[in-house]
């Protein structure tokens, strides 16, 4: 890469990833040097570097999502103390021991879940039909 290509690539990096820190860039380039983002076949230019950074950014965002979700799960569990699946398991145990209110709650829960599955299936069928309509003429 010549000086102008380096300058253009630098501008593109700053424009595309203004939230990257130096450590992000170091890690992305280190991963690229290890071959984590594929072979470069003796070709190094702005598009190769931007491809590396794109892959790094996707990994970075996925990890951040997982961390954020896990933190959220812990917070929600601390606040409410019970997930819906756990609630249903408790209802099943109580219902199997003859608890009438648990049996009724479980029946209502089953009805709601069944209704939600039907609606989801209807939505997916509609999306598939729309997709088929769009791509039949292609």
N, C-alpha and C. Protein backbone atom coordinates (compact mmCIF):
# COMPACT_ATOMS: atom_id res chain seq x y z
N UNK A 1 0.84 -1.18 0.00
CA UNK A 1 0.00 0.00 0.00
C UNK A 1 0.89 1.24 0.00
N UNK A 2 0.54 2.20 -0.82
CA UNK A 2 1.31 3.44 -0.82
C UNK A 2 0.71 4.40 0.21
N UNK A 3 1.35 5.56 0.34
CA UNK A 3 0.94 6.52 1.38
C UNK A 3 -0.51 6.99 1.21
N UNK A 4 -0.93 7.23 -0.02
CA UNK A 4 -2.30 7.72 -0.22
C UNK A 4 -3.32 6.62 0.09
N UNK A 5 -2.99 5.37 -0.23
CA UNK A 5 -3.90 4.27 0.10
C UNK A 5 -4.02 4.09 1.62
N UNK A 6 -2.90 4.25 2.32
CA UNK A 6 -2.91 4.16 3.78
C UNK A 6 -3.79 5.28 4.35
N UNK A 7 -3.64 6.49 3.81
CA UNK A 7 -4.43 7.63 4.30
C UNK A 7 -5.92 7.42 4.04
N UNK A 8 -6.26 6.93 2.86
CA UNK A 8 -7.66 6.68 2.53
C UNK A 8 -8.24 5.59 3.44
N UNK A 9 -7.46 4.52 3.63
CA UNK A 9 -7.92 3.43 4.49
C UNK A 9 -8.10 3.91 5.92
N UNK A 10 -7.18 4.74 6.38
CA UNK A 10 -7.29 5.30 7.73
C UNK A 10 -8.57 6.13 7.87
N UNK A 11 -8.85 6.96 6.87
CA UNK A 11 -10.08 7.76 6.89
C UNK A 11 -11.32 6.86 6.90
N UNK A 12 -11.30 5.80 6.09
CA UNK A 12 -12.43 4.88 6.06
C UNK A 12 -12.65 4.20 7.40
N UNK A 13 -11.56 3.81 8.04
CA UNK A 13 -11.66 3.15 9.36
C UNK A 13 -12.28 4.11 10.37
N UNK A 14 -11.80 5.34 10.39
CA UNK A 14 -12.32 6.33 11.34
C UNK A 14 -13.79 6.63 11.05
N UNK A 15 -14.13 6.69 9.76
CA UNK A 15 -15.52 6.96 9.37
C UNK A 15 -16.44 5.80 9.72
N UNK A 16 -15.99 4.58 9.46
CA UNK A 16 -16.83 3.40 9.64
C UNK A 16 -16.89 2.92 11.09
N UNK A 17 -15.79 3.06 11.81
CA UNK A 17 -15.69 2.53 13.17
C UNK A 17 -15.18 3.59 14.15
N UNK A 18 -15.90 4.68 14.32
CA UNK A 18 -15.41 5.75 15.20
C UNK A 18 -15.37 5.33 16.67
N UNK A 19 -16.07 4.28 17.01
CA UNK A 19 -16.13 3.81 18.40
C UNK A 19 -15.01 2.84 18.74
N UNK A 20 -14.21 2.44 17.75
CA UNK A 20 -13.09 1.54 18.03
C UNK A 20 -12.04 2.27 18.85
N UNK A 21 -11.47 1.54 19.78
CA UNK A 21 -10.33 2.04 20.54
C UNK A 21 -9.08 1.43 19.93
N UNK A 22 -7.94 1.93 20.34
CA UNK A 22 -6.67 1.40 19.84
C UNK A 22 -6.58 -0.10 20.12
N UNK A 23 -7.05 -0.52 21.29
CA UNK A 23 -7.02 -1.94 21.63
C UNK A 23 -7.86 -2.77 20.67
N UNK A 24 -8.98 -2.22 20.19
CA UNK A 24 -9.79 -2.93 19.20
C UNK A 24 -9.00 -3.14 17.92
N UNK A 25 -8.34 -2.09 17.47
CA UNK A 25 -7.56 -2.19 16.24
C UNK A 25 -6.40 -3.17 16.40
N UNK A 26 -5.72 -3.10 17.55
CA UNK A 26 -4.62 -4.03 17.80
C UNK A 26 -5.11 -5.47 17.77
N UNK A 27 -6.22 -5.73 18.42
CA UNK A 27 -6.75 -7.09 18.47
C UNK A 27 -7.20 -7.56 17.09
N UNK A 28 -7.86 -6.68 16.35
CA UNK A 28 -8.31 -7.05 15.00
C UNK A 28 -7.13 -7.39 14.11
N UNK A 29 -6.09 -6.56 14.14
CA UNK A 29 -4.91 -6.83 13.31
C UNK A 29 -4.16 -8.07 13.79
N UNK A 30 -4.12 -8.27 15.08
CA UNK A 30 -3.46 -9.47 15.62
C UNK A 30 -4.21 -10.73 15.15
N UNK A 31 -5.54 -10.68 15.23
CA UNK A 31 -6.35 -11.81 14.75
C UNK A 31 -6.13 -12.04 13.25
N UNK A 32 -6.06 -10.95 12.50
CA UNK A 32 -5.84 -11.07 11.06
C UNK A 32 -4.47 -11.69 10.77
N UNK A 33 -3.46 -11.29 11.52
CA UNK A 33 -2.12 -11.84 11.32
C UNK A 33 -2.09 -13.34 11.65
N UNK A 34 -2.93 -13.76 12.56
CA UNK A 34 -3.02 -15.18 12.91
C UNK A 34 -3.83 -15.98 11.89
N UNK A 35 -4.41 -15.29 10.92
CA UNK A 35 -5.20 -15.96 9.90
C UNK A 35 -6.64 -16.22 10.29
N UNK A 36 -7.08 -15.60 11.33
CA UNK A 36 -8.44 -15.83 11.82
C UNK A 36 -9.50 -15.37 10.82
N UNK A 37 -9.17 -14.40 10.00
CA UNK A 37 -10.13 -13.85 9.05
C UNK A 37 -9.85 -14.33 7.62
N UNK A 38 -9.09 -15.40 7.50
CA UNK A 38 -8.81 -15.97 6.18
C UNK A 38 -7.45 -15.57 5.65
N UNK A 39 -7.11 -16.21 4.55
CA UNK A 39 -5.83 -15.94 3.89
C UNK A 39 -5.90 -14.65 3.09
N UNK A 40 -4.76 -13.97 2.96
CA UNK A 40 -4.74 -12.73 2.17
C UNK A 40 -4.05 -12.92 0.83
N UNK A 41 -3.35 -14.03 0.63
CA UNK A 41 -2.70 -14.35 -0.64
C UNK A 41 -1.84 -13.21 -1.16
N UNK A 42 -0.93 -12.74 -0.32
CA UNK A 42 0.03 -11.69 -0.68
C UNK A 42 -0.63 -10.44 -1.23
N UNK A 43 -1.81 -10.14 -0.76
CA UNK A 43 -2.52 -8.93 -1.19
C UNK A 43 -2.99 -8.20 0.06
N UNK A 44 -2.52 -7.00 0.23
CA UNK A 44 -2.95 -6.20 1.37
C UNK A 44 -3.36 -4.83 0.86
N UNK A 45 -4.65 -4.54 0.97
CA UNK A 45 -5.15 -3.23 0.56
C UNK A 45 -6.29 -2.83 1.48
N UNK A 46 -6.88 -1.70 1.19
CA UNK A 46 -7.93 -1.18 2.05
C UNK A 46 -9.12 -2.10 2.19
N UNK A 47 -9.51 -2.76 1.11
CA UNK A 47 -10.68 -3.63 1.19
C UNK A 47 -10.40 -4.86 2.05
N UNK A 48 -9.18 -5.37 2.02
CA UNK A 48 -8.82 -6.50 2.89
C UNK A 48 -8.88 -6.06 4.35
N UNK A 49 -8.30 -4.92 4.65
CA UNK A 49 -8.29 -4.41 6.02
C UNK A 49 -9.72 -4.11 6.50
N UNK A 50 -10.53 -3.50 5.65
CA UNK A 50 -11.91 -3.21 6.03
C UNK A 50 -12.69 -4.50 6.25
N UNK A 51 -12.39 -5.53 5.47
CA UNK A 51 -13.02 -6.84 5.67
C UNK A 51 -12.66 -7.42 7.02
N UNK A 52 -11.38 -7.31 7.38
CA UNK A 52 -10.95 -7.79 8.70
C UNK A 52 -11.71 -7.07 9.80
N UNK A 53 -11.77 -5.75 9.68
CA UNK A 53 -12.42 -4.95 10.72
C UNK A 53 -13.93 -5.24 10.78
N UNK A 54 -14.52 -5.51 9.64
CA UNK A 54 -15.93 -5.88 9.61
C UNK A 54 -16.15 -7.18 10.37
N UNK A 55 -15.32 -8.18 10.11
CA UNK A 55 -15.45 -9.46 10.82
C UNK A 55 -15.19 -9.28 12.31
N UNK A 56 -14.17 -8.51 12.65
CA UNK A 56 -13.88 -8.24 14.05
C UNK A 56 -15.07 -7.56 14.72
N UNK A 57 -15.65 -6.58 14.04
CA UNK A 57 -16.77 -5.83 14.60
C UNK A 57 -17.97 -6.74 14.84
N UNK A 58 -18.23 -7.65 13.90
CA UNK A 58 -19.34 -8.59 14.09
C UNK A 58 -19.11 -9.46 15.32
N UNK A 59 -17.88 -9.97 15.48
CA UNK A 59 -17.55 -10.78 16.66
C UNK A 59 -17.69 -9.95 17.94
N UNK A 60 -17.19 -8.73 17.87
CA UNK A 60 -17.23 -7.83 19.02
C UNK A 60 -18.67 -7.55 19.45
N UNK A 61 -19.52 -7.26 18.47
CA UNK A 61 -20.93 -6.98 18.77
C UNK A 61 -21.64 -8.22 19.31
N UNK A 62 -21.34 -9.37 18.74
CA UNK A 62 -21.97 -10.61 19.22
C UNK A 62 -21.59 -10.87 20.68
N UNK A 63 -20.31 -10.67 21.00
CA UNK A 63 -19.87 -10.88 22.39
C UNK A 63 -20.52 -9.86 23.32
N UNK A 64 -20.62 -8.62 22.86
CA UNK A 64 -21.26 -7.58 23.68
C UNK A 64 -22.73 -7.91 23.90
N UNK A 65 -23.40 -8.43 22.87
CA UNK A 65 -24.81 -8.83 23.02
C UNK A 65 -24.97 -9.93 24.06
N UNK A 66 -24.09 -10.92 24.00
CA UNK A 66 -24.16 -12.03 24.96
C UNK A 66 -23.93 -11.52 26.38
N UNK A 67 -22.92 -10.69 26.55
CA UNK A 67 -22.63 -10.13 27.87
C UNK A 67 -23.81 -9.31 28.37
N UNK A 68 -24.34 -8.47 27.51
CA UNK A 68 -25.47 -7.62 27.90
C UNK A 68 -26.69 -8.47 28.25
N UNK A 69 -26.96 -9.49 27.44
CA UNK A 69 -28.11 -10.35 27.72
C UNK A 69 -27.93 -11.09 29.04
N UNK A 70 -26.73 -11.60 29.29
CA UNK A 70 -26.49 -12.31 30.55
C UNK A 70 -26.64 -11.38 31.76
N UNK A 71 -26.16 -10.16 31.63
CA UNK A 71 -26.33 -9.19 32.71
C UNK A 71 -27.81 -8.88 32.92
N UNK A 72 -28.53 -8.74 31.82
CA UNK A 72 -29.97 -8.49 31.90
C UNK A 72 -30.69 -9.65 32.58
N UNK A 73 -30.32 -10.88 32.19
CA UNK A 73 -30.95 -12.06 32.79
C UNK A 73 -30.74 -12.09 34.29
N UNK A 74 -29.51 -11.78 34.72
CA UNK A 74 -29.21 -11.78 36.15
C UNK A 74 -30.05 -10.71 36.85
N UNK A 75 -30.11 -9.51 36.25
CA UNK A 75 -30.89 -8.43 36.84
C UNK A 75 -32.37 -8.79 36.94
N UNK A 76 -32.91 -9.35 35.87
CA UNK A 76 -34.33 -9.72 35.87
C UNK A 76 -34.58 -10.82 36.89
N UNK A 77 -33.68 -11.78 36.97
CA UNK A 77 -33.85 -12.88 37.92
C UNK A 77 -33.80 -12.35 39.35
N UNK A 78 -32.90 -11.41 39.60
CA UNK A 78 -32.81 -10.84 40.94
C UNK A 78 -34.08 -10.06 41.29
N UNK A 79 -34.65 -9.39 40.28
CA UNK A 79 -35.84 -8.58 40.53
C UNK A 79 -37.09 -9.45 40.68
N UNK A 80 -37.29 -10.36 39.75
CA UNK A 80 -38.53 -11.15 39.79
C UNK A 80 -38.32 -12.52 40.42
N UNK A 81 -37.14 -13.06 40.28
CA UNK A 81 -36.82 -14.32 40.92
C UNK A 81 -37.31 -15.57 40.20
N UNK A 82 -38.06 -15.45 39.09
CA UNK A 82 -38.60 -16.65 38.48
C UNK A 82 -38.84 -16.43 36.98
N UNK A 83 -38.31 -17.33 36.16
CA UNK A 83 -38.57 -17.30 34.73
C UNK A 83 -39.88 -18.03 34.44
N UNK A 84 -40.47 -17.73 33.32
CA UNK A 84 -41.76 -18.31 32.97
C UNK A 84 -41.69 -19.84 32.88
N UNK A 85 -40.62 -20.35 32.27
CA UNK A 85 -40.48 -21.81 32.19
C UNK A 85 -40.40 -22.45 33.57
N UNK A 86 -39.71 -21.79 34.49
CA UNK A 86 -39.63 -22.31 35.86
C UNK A 86 -41.00 -22.26 36.54
N UNK A 87 -41.73 -21.19 36.28
CA UNK A 87 -43.08 -21.05 36.82
C UNK A 87 -43.96 -22.20 36.32
N UNK A 88 -43.86 -22.49 35.01
CA UNK A 88 -44.65 -23.59 34.44
C UNK A 88 -44.25 -24.93 35.04
N UNK A 89 -42.97 -25.13 35.27
CA UNK A 89 -42.53 -26.39 35.90
C UNK A 89 -43.13 -26.53 37.29
N UNK A 90 -43.14 -25.44 38.04
CA UNK A 90 -43.74 -25.47 39.37
C UNK A 90 -45.24 -25.75 39.29
N UNK A 91 -45.90 -25.13 38.31
CA UNK A 91 -47.33 -25.40 38.12
C UNK A 91 -47.58 -26.87 37.81
N UNK A 92 -46.74 -27.44 36.96
CA UNK A 92 -46.91 -28.85 36.60
C UNK A 92 -46.78 -29.75 37.82
N UNK A 93 -45.81 -29.46 38.67
CA UNK A 93 -45.63 -30.26 39.88
C UNK A 93 -46.86 -30.13 40.77
N UNK A 94 -47.29 -28.90 41.00
CA UNK A 94 -48.47 -28.68 41.85
C UNK A 94 -49.72 -29.32 41.25
N UNK A 95 -49.88 -29.18 39.93
CA UNK A 95 -51.05 -29.75 39.27
C UNK A 95 -51.04 -31.27 39.35
N UNK A 96 -49.87 -31.87 39.24
CA UNK A 96 -49.78 -33.34 39.31
C UNK A 96 -50.12 -33.86 40.71
N UNK A 97 -50.02 -32.98 41.70
CA UNK A 97 -50.37 -33.35 43.07
C UNK A 97 -51.82 -32.97 43.41
N UNK A 98 -52.58 -32.59 42.39
CA UNK A 98 -54.01 -32.34 42.59
C UNK A 98 -54.41 -30.92 42.92
N UNK A 99 -53.49 -29.97 42.87
CA UNK A 99 -53.81 -28.57 43.16
C UNK A 99 -54.68 -28.01 42.03
N UNK A 100 -55.94 -27.73 42.33
CA UNK A 100 -56.92 -27.28 41.32
C UNK A 100 -56.55 -25.92 40.72
N UNK A 101 -56.10 -24.99 41.55
CA UNK A 101 -55.74 -23.67 41.02
C UNK A 101 -54.51 -23.78 40.11
N UNK A 102 -53.58 -24.66 40.45
CA UNK A 102 -52.41 -24.87 39.60
C UNK A 102 -52.82 -25.52 38.28
N UNK A 103 -53.77 -26.45 38.33
CA UNK A 103 -54.26 -27.09 37.11
C UNK A 103 -54.91 -26.06 36.19
N UNK A 104 -55.71 -25.16 36.78
CA UNK A 104 -56.38 -24.12 35.99
C UNK A 104 -55.35 -23.14 35.41
N UNK A 105 -54.39 -22.74 36.22
CA UNK A 105 -53.34 -21.82 35.74
C UNK A 105 -52.54 -22.47 34.62
N UNK A 106 -52.24 -23.74 34.74
CA UNK A 106 -51.49 -24.46 33.71
C UNK A 106 -52.32 -24.56 32.43
N UNK A 107 -53.61 -24.82 32.56
CA UNK A 107 -54.48 -24.89 31.39
C UNK A 107 -54.51 -23.54 30.65
N UNK A 108 -54.64 -22.45 31.41
CA UNK A 108 -54.64 -21.11 30.80
C UNK A 108 -53.30 -20.82 30.13
N UNK A 109 -52.23 -21.21 30.80
CA UNK A 109 -50.90 -21.01 30.24
C UNK A 109 -50.74 -21.80 28.94
N UNK A 110 -51.22 -23.05 28.93
CA UNK A 110 -51.17 -23.86 27.70
C UNK A 110 -51.97 -23.21 26.58
N UNK A 111 -53.15 -22.68 26.92
CA UNK A 111 -53.98 -22.01 25.92
C UNK A 111 -53.26 -20.80 25.33
N UNK A 112 -52.64 -20.02 26.19
CA UNK A 112 -51.92 -18.83 25.73
C UNK A 112 -50.75 -19.22 24.84
N UNK A 113 -49.97 -20.22 25.26
CA UNK A 113 -48.83 -20.66 24.46
C UNK A 113 -49.29 -21.21 23.11
N UNK A 114 -50.38 -21.95 23.12
CA UNK A 114 -50.93 -22.49 21.87
C UNK A 114 -51.36 -21.36 20.95
N UNK A 115 -52.03 -20.36 21.51
CA UNK A 115 -52.47 -19.21 20.73
C UNK A 115 -51.27 -18.47 20.13
N UNK A 116 -50.23 -18.28 20.94
CA UNK A 116 -49.04 -17.57 20.47
C UNK A 116 -48.36 -18.35 19.35
N UNK A 117 -48.29 -19.67 19.47
CA UNK A 117 -47.68 -20.49 18.42
C UNK A 117 -48.47 -20.40 17.13
N UNK A 118 -49.80 -20.41 17.23
CA UNK A 118 -50.65 -20.28 16.05
C UNK A 118 -50.41 -18.94 15.36
N UNK A 119 -50.36 -17.87 16.14
CA UNK A 119 -50.13 -16.54 15.58
C UNK A 119 -48.76 -16.46 14.91
N UNK A 120 -47.76 -17.06 15.55
CA UNK A 120 -46.42 -17.05 14.97
C UNK A 120 -46.41 -17.83 13.67
N UNK A 121 -47.08 -18.97 13.64
CA UNK A 121 -47.17 -19.78 12.43
C UNK A 121 -47.88 -19.01 11.33
N UNK A 122 -48.96 -18.32 11.66
CA UNK A 122 -49.67 -17.51 10.67
C UNK A 122 -48.77 -16.42 10.11
N UNK A 123 -48.02 -15.77 11.00
CA UNK A 123 -47.12 -14.70 10.56
C UNK A 123 -46.04 -15.26 9.64
N UNK A 124 -45.48 -16.42 10.00
CA UNK A 124 -44.44 -17.02 9.17
C UNK A 124 -44.99 -17.45 7.81
N UNK A 125 -46.21 -17.99 7.79
CA UNK A 125 -46.83 -18.37 6.52
C UNK A 125 -47.03 -17.14 5.64
N UNK A 126 -47.48 -16.05 6.25
CA UNK A 126 -47.70 -14.81 5.50
C UNK A 126 -46.38 -14.29 4.93
N UNK A 127 -45.32 -14.33 5.74
CA UNK A 127 -44.01 -13.89 5.25
C UNK A 127 -43.54 -14.76 4.10
N UNK A 128 -43.76 -16.07 4.20
CA UNK A 128 -43.37 -16.98 3.14
C UNK A 128 -44.15 -16.70 1.86
N UNK A 129 -45.45 -16.45 2.00
CA UNK A 129 -46.27 -16.12 0.84
C UNK A 129 -45.80 -14.83 0.19
N UNK A 130 -45.49 -13.81 0.99
CA UNK A 130 -45.00 -12.55 0.45
C UNK A 130 -43.67 -12.75 -0.26
N UNK A 131 -42.81 -13.57 0.32
CA UNK A 131 -41.51 -13.86 -0.30
C UNK A 131 -41.72 -14.56 -1.64
N UNK A 132 -42.61 -15.56 -1.66
CA UNK A 132 -42.89 -16.29 -2.89
C UNK A 132 -43.44 -15.36 -3.97
N UNK A 133 -44.36 -14.46 -3.58
CA UNK A 133 -44.93 -13.51 -4.54
C UNK A 133 -43.87 -12.60 -5.13
N UNK A 134 -42.95 -12.14 -4.29
CA UNK A 134 -41.89 -11.23 -4.75
C UNK A 134 -40.96 -11.92 -5.73
N UNK A 135 -40.66 -13.20 -5.46
CA UNK A 135 -39.61 -13.87 -6.22
C UNK A 135 -40.15 -14.76 -7.35
N UNK A 136 -41.45 -14.83 -7.53
CA UNK A 136 -41.99 -15.60 -8.64
C UNK A 136 -41.70 -14.92 -9.97
N UNK A 137 -41.76 -13.62 -9.97
CA UNK A 137 -41.53 -12.87 -11.19
C UNK A 137 -40.06 -12.75 -11.56
N UNK A 138 -39.15 -13.15 -10.66
CA UNK A 138 -37.72 -12.98 -10.90
C UNK A 138 -37.20 -14.04 -11.82
